[in-house]
C-alpha atoms as a PDB file:
ATOM      1  CA  MET A   1      17.147   9.544 -66.791  1.00  0.00           C
ATOM      2  CA  SER A   2      17.893  12.423 -64.711  1.00  0.00           C
ATOM      3  CA  ASN A   3      20.523  12.326 -62.176  1.00  0.00           C
ATOM      4  CA  SER A   4      20.258  12.032 -58.807  1.00  0.00           C
ATOM      5  CA  THR A   5      20.935  15.988 -57.893  1.00  0.00           C
ATOM      6  CA  ASP A   6      17.159  16.555 -59.972  1.00  0.00           C
ATOM      7  CA  PHE A   7      15.711  14.948 -56.948  1.00  0.00           C
ATOM      8  CA  LEU A   8      14.449  15.649 -53.840  1.00  0.00           C
ATOM      9  CA  LEU A   9      14.300  12.393 -52.391  1.00  0.00           C
ATOM     10  CA  ALA A  10      16.623   9.464 -53.669  1.00  0.00           C
ATOM     11  CA  LEU A  11      16.711   5.968 -51.824  1.00  0.00           C
ATOM     12  CA  GLU A  12      19.350   4.016 -53.390  1.00  0.00           C
ATOM     13  CA  ASN A  13      19.366   0.325 -52.967  1.00  0.00           C
ATOM     14  CA  VAL A  14      17.819   0.531 -49.513  1.00  0.00           C
ATOM     15  CA  THR A  15      17.355  -2.943 -47.712  1.00  0.00           C
ATOM     16  CA  VAL A  16      16.599  -2.990 -44.127  1.00  0.00           C
ATOM     17  CA  SER A  17      16.181  -7.254 -42.238  1.00  0.00           C
ATOM     18  CA  PHE A  18      14.302  -7.743 -39.604  1.00  0.00           C
ATOM     19  CA  ASP A  19      15.927 -10.966 -38.081  1.00  0.00           C
ATOM     20  CA  GLY A  20      16.560 -11.907 -41.478  1.00  0.00           C
ATOM     21  CA  PHE A  21      13.658 -11.225 -43.210  1.00  0.00           C
ATOM     22  CA  LYS A  22      13.984  -8.391 -45.755  1.00  0.00           C
ATOM     23  CA  ALA A  23      11.033  -6.112 -45.041  1.00  0.00           C
ATOM     24  CA  VAL A  24      12.445  -3.888 -47.845  1.00  0.00           C
ATOM     25  CA  ASN A  25      14.735  -5.007 -50.036  1.00  0.00           C
ATOM     26  CA  GLY A  26      17.398  -3.164 -52.513  1.00  0.00           C
ATOM     27  CA  LEU A  27      14.939  -0.640 -53.046  1.00  0.00           C
ATOM     28  CA  ASN A  28      15.341   2.552 -55.714  1.00  0.00           C
ATOM     29  CA  LEU A  29      12.581   5.331 -55.464  1.00  0.00           C
ATOM     30  CA  TYR A  30      13.255   8.572 -56.700  1.00  0.00           C
ATOM     31  CA  ILE A  31      11.004  11.762 -55.840  1.00  0.00           C
ATOM     32  CA  ASP A  32      10.466  14.616 -57.760  1.00  0.00           C
ATOM     33  CA  LYS A  33      10.505  17.702 -56.234  1.00  0.00           C
ATOM     34  CA  GLY A  34       6.122  18.914 -56.681  1.00  0.00           C
ATOM     35  CA  GLU A  35       5.540  15.278 -57.397  1.00  0.00           C
ATOM     36  CA  LEU A  36       2.904  13.366 -55.734  1.00  0.00           C
ATOM     37  CA  ARG A  37       3.648   9.894 -55.494  1.00  0.00           C
ATOM     38  CA  VAL A  38       1.556   7.260 -54.233  1.00  0.00           C
ATOM     39  CA  ILE A  39       2.520   4.213 -52.608  1.00  0.00           C
ATOM     40  CA  ILE A  40       0.468   1.139 -52.760  1.00  0.00           C
ATOM     41  CA  GLY A  41       0.572  -3.133 -52.112  1.00  0.00           C
ATOM     42  CA  PRO A  42      -0.929  -5.111 -50.389  1.00  0.00           C
ATOM     43  CA  ASN A  43      -0.489  -5.715 -46.851  1.00  0.00           C
ATOM     44  CA  GLY A  44       3.062  -6.330 -45.609  1.00  0.00           C
ATOM     45  CA  ALA A  45       4.718  -5.181 -49.277  1.00  0.00           C
ATOM     46  CA  GLY A  46       6.505  -2.865 -46.565  1.00  0.00           C
ATOM     47  CA  LYS A  47       4.784   0.303 -47.731  1.00  0.00           C
ATOM     48  CA  THR A  48       5.191   2.098 -44.024  1.00  0.00           C
ATOM     49  CA  THR A  49       9.009   0.474 -43.266  1.00  0.00           C
ATOM     50  CA  VAL A  50       9.857   2.728 -46.165  1.00  0.00           C
ATOM     51  CA  LEU A  51       8.328   6.071 -44.373  1.00  0.00           C
ATOM     52  CA  ASP A  52       9.692   4.812 -41.686  1.00  0.00           C
ATOM     53  CA  LEU A  53      12.867   4.879 -42.896  1.00  0.00           C
ATOM     54  CA  ILE A  54      13.018   7.789 -44.695  1.00  0.00           C
ATOM     55  CA  CYS A  55      11.881   9.825 -41.243  1.00  0.00           C
ATOM     56  CA  GLY A  56      14.286   8.176 -39.474  1.00  0.00           C
ATOM     57  CA  ARG A  57      12.276   5.963 -37.647  1.00  0.00           C
ATOM     58  CA  THR A  58      13.743   2.850 -38.614  1.00  0.00           C
ATOM     59  CA  LYS A  59      17.444   2.672 -39.195  1.00  0.00           C
ATOM     60  CA  VAL A  60      18.406   1.481 -43.053  1.00  0.00           C
ATOM     61  CA  SER A  61      20.739  -1.536 -42.898  1.00  0.00           C
ATOM     62  CA  ASP A  62      22.238  -0.846 -46.285  1.00  0.00           C
ATOM     63  CA  GLY A  63      21.404   1.512 -49.020  1.00  0.00           C
ATOM     64  CA  SER A  64      21.296   5.458 -49.120  1.00  0.00           C
ATOM     65  CA  ILE A  65      18.656   7.417 -48.760  1.00  0.00           C
ATOM     66  CA  LYS A  66      19.727  11.128 -50.190  1.00  0.00           C
ATOM     67  CA  PHE A  67      17.275  14.665 -49.640  1.00  0.00           C
ATOM     68  CA  LYS A  68      18.473  17.682 -52.000  1.00  0.00           C
ATOM     69  CA  ASP A  69      21.300  15.488 -52.277  1.00  0.00           C
ATOM     70  CA  GLN A  70      22.583  15.561 -48.353  1.00  0.00           C
ATOM     71  CA  GLU A  71      22.558  11.906 -47.598  1.00  0.00           C
ATOM     72  CA  ILE A  72      20.297  11.124 -44.572  1.00  0.00           C
ATOM     73  CA  THR A  73      20.549   7.983 -43.580  1.00  0.00           C
ATOM     74  CA  GLY A  74      21.853   7.801 -40.124  1.00  0.00           C
ATOM     75  CA  LEU A  75      20.287  11.355 -38.418  1.00  0.00           C
ATOM     76  CA  LYS A  76      18.115  11.450 -35.585  1.00  0.00           C
ATOM     77  CA  GLU A  77      14.146  11.770 -36.167  1.00  0.00           C
ATOM     78  CA  TYR A  78      14.247  15.114 -34.950  1.00  0.00           C
ATOM     79  CA  GLU A  79      17.355  15.785 -37.332  1.00  0.00           C
ATOM     80  CA  ILE A  80      15.636  14.423 -40.792  1.00  0.00           C
ATOM     81  CA  VAL A  81      12.426  16.844 -39.945  1.00  0.00           C
ATOM     82  CA  ARG A  82      14.771  20.164 -39.884  1.00  0.00           C
ATOM     83  CA  ARG A  83      15.653  19.056 -42.701  1.00  0.00           C
ATOM     84  CA  GLY A  84      11.803  19.779 -44.246  1.00  0.00           C
ATOM     85  CA  ILE A  85      10.078  15.960 -44.166  1.00  0.00           C
ATOM     86  CA  GLY A  86       7.473  16.094 -42.510  1.00  0.00           C
ATOM     87  CA  ARG A  87       5.487  12.826 -41.477  1.00  0.00           C
ATOM     88  CA  LYS A  88       1.706  11.757 -40.531  1.00  0.00           C
ATOM     89  CA  PHE A  89       1.128   8.380 -38.869  1.00  0.00           C
ATOM     90  CA  GLN A  90      -1.798   7.032 -39.686  1.00  0.00           C
ATOM     91  CA  ASN A  91      -3.485   7.506 -35.974  1.00  0.00           C
ATOM     92  CA  PRO A  92      -3.821  11.638 -35.809  1.00  0.00           C
ATOM     93  CA  SER A  93      -1.930  12.956 -32.989  1.00  0.00           C
ATOM     94  CA  ILE A  94      -3.060  15.697 -31.782  1.00  0.00           C
ATOM     95  CA  TYR A  95      -3.984  17.865 -28.327  1.00  0.00           C
ATOM     96  CA  GLU A  96      -7.650  16.931 -28.033  1.00  0.00           C
ATOM     97  CA  ASP A  97      -8.100  19.329 -25.134  1.00  0.00           C
ATOM     98  CA  LEU A  98      -6.716  22.610 -26.873  1.00  0.00           C
ATOM     99  CA  THR A  99      -8.684  24.609 -29.344  1.00  0.00           C
ATOM    100  CA  VAL A 100      -7.737  23.980 -33.821  1.00  0.00           C
ATOM    101  CA  PHE A 101      -6.017  27.279 -33.499  1.00  0.00           C
ATOM    102  CA  GLU A 102      -3.978  26.518 -30.500  1.00  0.00           C
ATOM    103  CA  ASN A 103      -3.052  23.324 -32.067  1.00  0.00           C
ATOM    104  CA  LEU A 104      -1.877  24.747 -35.128  1.00  0.00           C
ATOM    105  CA  GLU A 105       0.059  27.641 -33.102  1.00  0.00           C
ATOM    106  CA  LEU A 106       2.205  24.887 -30.979  1.00  0.00           C
ATOM    107  CA  SER A 107       2.872  23.018 -34.045  1.00  0.00           C
ATOM    108  CA  MET A 108       5.376  26.917 -35.201  1.00  0.00           C
ATOM    109  CA  PRO A 109       8.795  26.448 -35.169  1.00  0.00           C
ATOM    110  CA  HIS A 110      10.032  29.321 -32.766  1.00  0.00           C
ATOM    111  CA  GLY A 111      13.413  28.809 -31.498  1.00  0.00           C
ATOM    112  CA  ARG A 112      15.222  25.773 -31.273  1.00  0.00           C
ATOM    113  CA  ASN A 113      15.533  25.847 -27.411  1.00  0.00           C
ATOM    114  CA  VAL A 114      13.773  25.952 -24.848  1.00  0.00           C
ATOM    115  CA  ALA A 115      13.969  29.064 -23.275  1.00  0.00           C
ATOM    116  CA  GLY A 116      13.085  30.608 -26.909  1.00  0.00           C
ATOM    117  CA  ALA A 117      10.049  28.189 -26.267  1.00  0.00           C
ATOM    118  CA  LEU A 118       8.673  29.398 -23.101  1.00  0.00           C
ATOM    119  CA  PHE A 119       9.049  33.094 -23.608  1.00  0.00           C
ATOM    120  CA  TRP A 120       7.783  32.690 -27.287  1.00  0.00           C
ATOM    121  CA  LYS A 121       4.722  35.458 -27.726  1.00  0.00           C
ATOM    122  CA  ARG A 122       1.528  35.144 -30.027  1.00  0.00           C
ATOM    123  CA  SER A 123       2.825  37.242 -32.849  1.00  0.00           C
ATOM    124  CA  GLU A 124       1.061  38.803 -35.671  1.00  0.00           C
ATOM    125  CA  GLU A 125       2.926  36.091 -38.432  1.00  0.00           C
ATOM    126  CA  VAL A 126       2.094  33.196 -35.910  1.00  0.00           C
ATOM    127  CA  THR A 127      -1.599  34.333 -36.147  1.00  0.00           C
ATOM    128  CA  GLU A 128      -1.398  34.709 -39.912  1.00  0.00           C
ATOM    129  CA  ARG A 129       0.079  31.913 -40.639  1.00  0.00           C
ATOM    130  CA  VAL A 130      -2.450  29.972 -38.703  1.00  0.00           C
ATOM    131  CA  ARG A 131      -5.644  31.637 -40.450  1.00  0.00           C
ATOM    132  CA  GLU A 132      -3.729  30.675 -43.941  1.00  0.00           C
ATOM    133  CA  ILE A 133      -3.730  26.941 -43.236  1.00  0.00           C
ATOM    134  CA  ALA A 134      -6.778  26.986 -40.840  1.00  0.00           C
ATOM    135  CA  GLU A 135      -7.915  27.949 -44.566  1.00  0.00           C
ATOM    136  CA  MET A 136      -6.848  25.061 -46.855  1.00  0.00           C
ATOM    137  CA  ILE A 137      -7.554  22.616 -43.990  1.00  0.00           C
ATOM    138  CA  PHE A 138     -11.485  23.704 -44.352  1.00  0.00           C
ATOM    139  CA  LEU A 139     -11.271  24.871 -40.252  1.00  0.00           C
ATOM    140  CA  SER A 140     -11.099  28.262 -40.726  1.00  0.00           C
ATOM    141  CA  ASP A 141     -14.369  28.482 -38.892  1.00  0.00           C
ATOM    142  CA  LEU A 142     -13.645  26.301 -36.203  1.00  0.00           C
ATOM    143  CA  LEU A 143     -10.322  27.812 -35.095  1.00  0.00           C
ATOM    144  CA  ASP A 144     -11.939  28.249 -31.044  1.00  0.00           C
ATOM    145  CA  ARG A 145     -13.540  24.965 -31.664  1.00  0.00           C
ATOM    146  CA  ARG A 146     -12.010  21.904 -29.233  1.00  0.00           C
ATOM    147  CA  ALA A 147      -9.788  19.535 -31.041  1.00  0.00           C
ATOM    148  CA  GLU A 148     -12.000  16.636 -29.587  1.00  0.00           C
ATOM    149  CA  THR A 149     -14.919  17.729 -31.006  1.00  0.00           C
ATOM    150  CA  LEU A 150     -13.806  17.562 -34.819  1.00  0.00           C
ATOM    151  CA  SER A 151     -15.019  14.714 -36.685  1.00  0.00           C
ATOM    152  CA  HIS A 152     -12.426  12.125 -37.289  1.00  0.00           C
ATOM    153  CA  GLY A 153     -12.186  13.273 -41.018  1.00  0.00           C
ATOM    154  CA  GLN A 154     -11.232  17.249 -39.821  1.00  0.00           C
ATOM    155  CA  LYS A 155      -8.787  15.853 -37.078  1.00  0.00           C
ATOM    156  CA  GLN A 156      -7.013  14.239 -39.754  1.00  0.00           C
ATOM    157  CA  TRP A 157      -6.904  17.890 -41.760  1.00  0.00           C
ATOM    158  CA  LEU A 158      -5.896  19.449 -38.236  1.00  0.00           C
ATOM    159  CA  GLU A 159      -3.214  16.981 -38.216  1.00  0.00           C
ATOM    160  CA  ILE A 160      -1.535  17.496 -41.765  1.00  0.00           C
ATOM    161  CA  GLY A 161      -2.004  21.847 -40.957  1.00  0.00           C
ATOM    162  CA  MET A 162      -0.072  21.183 -37.811  1.00  0.00           C
ATOM    163  CA  LEU A 163       3.044  19.547 -40.069  1.00  0.00           C
ATOM    164  CA  LEU A 164       2.051  22.263 -42.789  1.00  0.00           C
ATOM    165  CA  MET A 165       2.847  25.315 -40.069  1.00  0.00           C
ATOM    166  CA  GLN A 166       6.378  23.431 -40.268  1.00  0.00           C
ATOM    167  CA  ASP A 167       6.911  24.319 -43.749  1.00  0.00           C
ATOM    168  CA  PRO A 168       8.320  20.794 -44.804  1.00  0.00           C
ATOM    169  CA  GLU A 169       9.538  20.378 -48.446  1.00  0.00           C
ATOM    170  CA  LEU A 170       8.310  16.569 -48.344  1.00  0.00           C
ATOM    171  CA  LEU A 171       5.419  15.759 -47.078  1.00  0.00           C
ATOM    172  CA  MET A 172       4.338  12.010 -46.312  1.00  0.00           C
ATOM    173  CA  LEU A 173       0.717  10.488 -45.095  1.00  0.00           C
ATOM    174  CA  ASP A 174       0.163   7.193 -43.514  1.00  0.00           C
ATOM    175  CA  GLU A 175      -3.374   6.837 -45.128  1.00  0.00           C
ATOM    176  CA  PRO A 176      -4.866   9.851 -44.913  1.00  0.00           C
ATOM    177  CA  VAL A 177      -8.715   8.682 -45.918  1.00  0.00           C
ATOM    178  CA  ALA A 178      -9.078   6.219 -43.995  1.00  0.00           C
ATOM    179  CA  GLY A 179     -12.128   6.445 -41.946  1.00  0.00           C
ATOM    180  CA  MET A 180     -13.133   9.293 -43.904  1.00  0.00           C
ATOM    181  CA  SER A 181     -16.852   9.864 -45.278  1.00  0.00           C
ATOM    182  CA  VAL A 182     -17.255  10.336 -49.720  1.00  0.00           C
ATOM    183  CA  SER A 183     -17.386  14.031 -48.995  1.00  0.00           C
ATOM    184  CA  GLU A 184     -14.165  14.132 -46.566  1.00  0.00           C
ATOM    185  CA  ARG A 185     -12.033  12.388 -48.930  1.00  0.00           C
ATOM    186  CA  VAL A 186     -13.023  14.596 -51.834  1.00  0.00           C
ATOM    187  CA  LYS A 187     -12.233  17.361 -50.179  1.00  0.00           C
ATOM    188  CA  THR A 188      -8.767  15.957 -49.038  1.00  0.00           C
ATOM    189  CA  ALA A 189      -8.213  14.491 -52.870  1.00  0.00           C
ATOM    190  CA  GLU A 190      -8.651  18.525 -53.407  1.00  0.00           C
ATOM    191  CA  LEU A 191      -6.314  19.876 -50.533  1.00  0.00           C
ATOM    192  CA  LEU A 192      -3.491  17.645 -51.333  1.00  0.00           C
ATOM    193  CA  ASN A 193      -3.373  18.709 -55.088  1.00  0.00           C
ATOM    194  CA  GLU A 194      -3.553  22.717 -53.154  1.00  0.00           C
ATOM    195  CA  ILE A 195      -0.601  21.514 -50.882  1.00  0.00           C
ATOM    196  CA  ILE A 196       1.579  20.305 -54.081  1.00  0.00           C
ATOM    197  CA  LYS A 197       1.995  23.489 -55.388  1.00  0.00           C
ATOM    198  CA  HIS A 198       5.045  24.044 -52.561  1.00  0.00           C
ATOM    199  CA  ARG A 199       5.741  21.074 -51.743  1.00  0.00           C
ATOM    200  CA  SER A 200       6.591  17.037 -52.354  1.00  0.00           C
ATOM    201  CA  VAL A 201       3.787  14.728 -51.453  1.00  0.00           C
ATOM    202  CA  ILE A 202       4.269  10.728 -50.555  1.00  0.00           C
ATOM    203  CA  VAL A 203       0.765   9.168 -49.703  1.00  0.00           C
ATOM    204  CA  ILE A 204       0.462   4.971 -48.144  1.00  0.00           C
ATOM    205  CA  GLU A 205      -3.163   4.489 -49.890  1.00  0.00           C
ATOM    206  CA  HIS A 206      -5.372   1.758 -49.621  1.00  0.00           C
ATOM    207  CA  ASP A 207      -8.480   3.481 -51.073  1.00  0.00           C
ATOM    208  CA  MET A 208      -8.056   2.848 -55.079  1.00  0.00           C
ATOM    209  CA  LYS A 209     -10.720   5.343 -56.214  1.00  0.00           C
ATOM    210  CA  PHE A 210      -8.674   8.250 -54.007  1.00  0.00           C
ATOM    211  CA  VAL A 211      -5.870   7.255 -55.238  1.00  0.00           C
ATOM    212  CA  GLU A 212      -7.081   7.818 -58.620  1.00  0.00           C
ATOM    213  CA  SER A 213      -7.830  11.226 -58.121  1.00  0.00           C
ATOM    214  CA  ILE A 214      -4.884  12.851 -56.744  1.00  0.00           C
ATOM    215  CA  ALA A 215      -1.511  10.481 -57.773  1.00  0.00           C
ATOM    216  CA  HIS A 216       0.762  11.880 -60.631  1.00  0.00           C
ATOM    217  CA  ARG A 217       2.942   8.172 -59.809  1.00  0.00           C
ATOM    218  CA  VAL A 218       2.253   5.127 -58.269  1.00  0.00           C
ATOM    219  CA  THR A 219       4.490   3.075 -56.719  1.00  0.00           C
ATOM    220  CA  VAL A 220       3.603  -0.767 -56.581  1.00  0.00           C
ATOM    221  CA  LEU A 221       5.501  -2.552 -53.774  1.00  0.00           C
ATOM    222  CA  HIS A 222       5.438  -5.593 -53.358  1.00  0.00           C
ATOM    223  CA  GLN A 223       7.389  -8.135 -50.345  1.00  0.00           C
ATOM    224  CA  GLY A 224       9.816  -5.193 -50.149  1.00  0.00           C
ATOM    225  CA  LYS A 225      10.732  -4.564 -54.168  1.00  0.00           C
ATOM    226  CA  ILE A 226       9.061  -2.718 -56.805  1.00  0.00           C
ATOM    227  CA  LEU A 227       6.896  -4.229 -58.924  1.00  0.00           C
ATOM    228  CA  ALA A 228       5.496  -1.872 -61.183  1.00  0.00           C
ATOM    229  CA  GLU A 229       5.578   2.155 -61.455  1.00  0.00           C
ATOM    230  CA  GLY A 230       3.829   5.093 -63.611  1.00  0.00           C
ATOM    231  CA  ASP A 231       0.242   6.733 -63.955  1.00  0.00           C
ATOM    232  CA  MET A 232      -2.449   5.342 -62.288  1.00  0.00           C
ATOM    233  CA  ASP A 233      -3.221   4.576 -65.965  1.00  0.00           C
ATOM    234  CA  THR A 234      -0.292   1.938 -66.432  1.00  0.00           C
ATOM    235  CA  ILE A 235      -0.564   0.784 -62.969  1.00  0.00           C
ATOM    236  CA  GLN A 236      -4.428  -0.573 -63.454  1.00  0.00           C
ATOM    237  CA  HIS A 237      -3.526  -2.243 -67.022  1.00  0.00           C
ATOM    238  CA  ASP A 238      -0.033  -3.717 -65.326  1.00  0.00           C
ATOM    239  CA  PRO A 239      -0.993  -8.215 -65.568  1.00  0.00           C
ATOM    240  CA  LYS A 240       1.897  -8.237 -62.342  1.00  0.00           C
ATOM    241  CA  VAL A 241      -0.194  -5.979 -60.932  1.00  0.00           C
ATOM    242  CA  LYS A 242      -3.520  -7.314 -61.516  1.00  0.00           C
ATOM    243  CA  GLU A 243      -2.171 -11.073 -59.850  1.00  0.00           C
ATOM    244  CA  VAL A 244      -1.087  -9.345 -56.451  1.00  0.00           C
ATOM    245  CA  TYR A 245      -2.896  -6.904 -56.281  1.00  0.00           C
ATOM    246  CA  LEU A 246      -6.204  -6.261 -57.149  1.00  0.00           C
ATOM    247  CA  GLY A 247      -6.974  -9.460 -57.476  1.00  0.00           C
ATOM    248  CA  HIS A 248      -9.053  -9.502 -61.073  1.00  0.00           C
END
């Protein structure tokens, strides 16, 4: 077992209680650099809560969360974003009435104060970055399209692109392929495999076929605890997992 300094993200003995109910219970989770981890588990297993804890949306009742060996427990959400953690929620939050280009451009971090944002001009660097990300998210030909005209899948990609503009070291995606067509799912798997060349990704997902196509390691949560962890093959043949989850 490598020591904690080698991990990009380390959750140790993390617990969160809501009115006495332990939604997450003594959780230990370690994510490596360049890893694509998928978290699965039945409804109410605590999957989304884990992401909420990492991004500071929910406060840890007990335990420690370290990112690049720095304690982030207790930091504000925006401070955690600045450290290099990006989070996408289930429903895309994009600017519907702006173009794809403008959505991406607005997501570029520039100047940490309001004045900086107000007097900020579109530069060569930004345009280049926008084009580079648009290419990755399959929207190169749609830069001038208003976001509201995109398909559901394209909107999801745009939102992932908006996060990539911030160049996070850890990207967290909550059910990214929900509601996508089969071909969009295939492309999303391609996109994620591209993304992890430079960063780590945590995905929460129900679609097992999709999980199979992307996961390095799978963590199975059940009642706020880790039930099993390993590669997809190990997980699929684990009798405990079959019992609670796959129902075979």
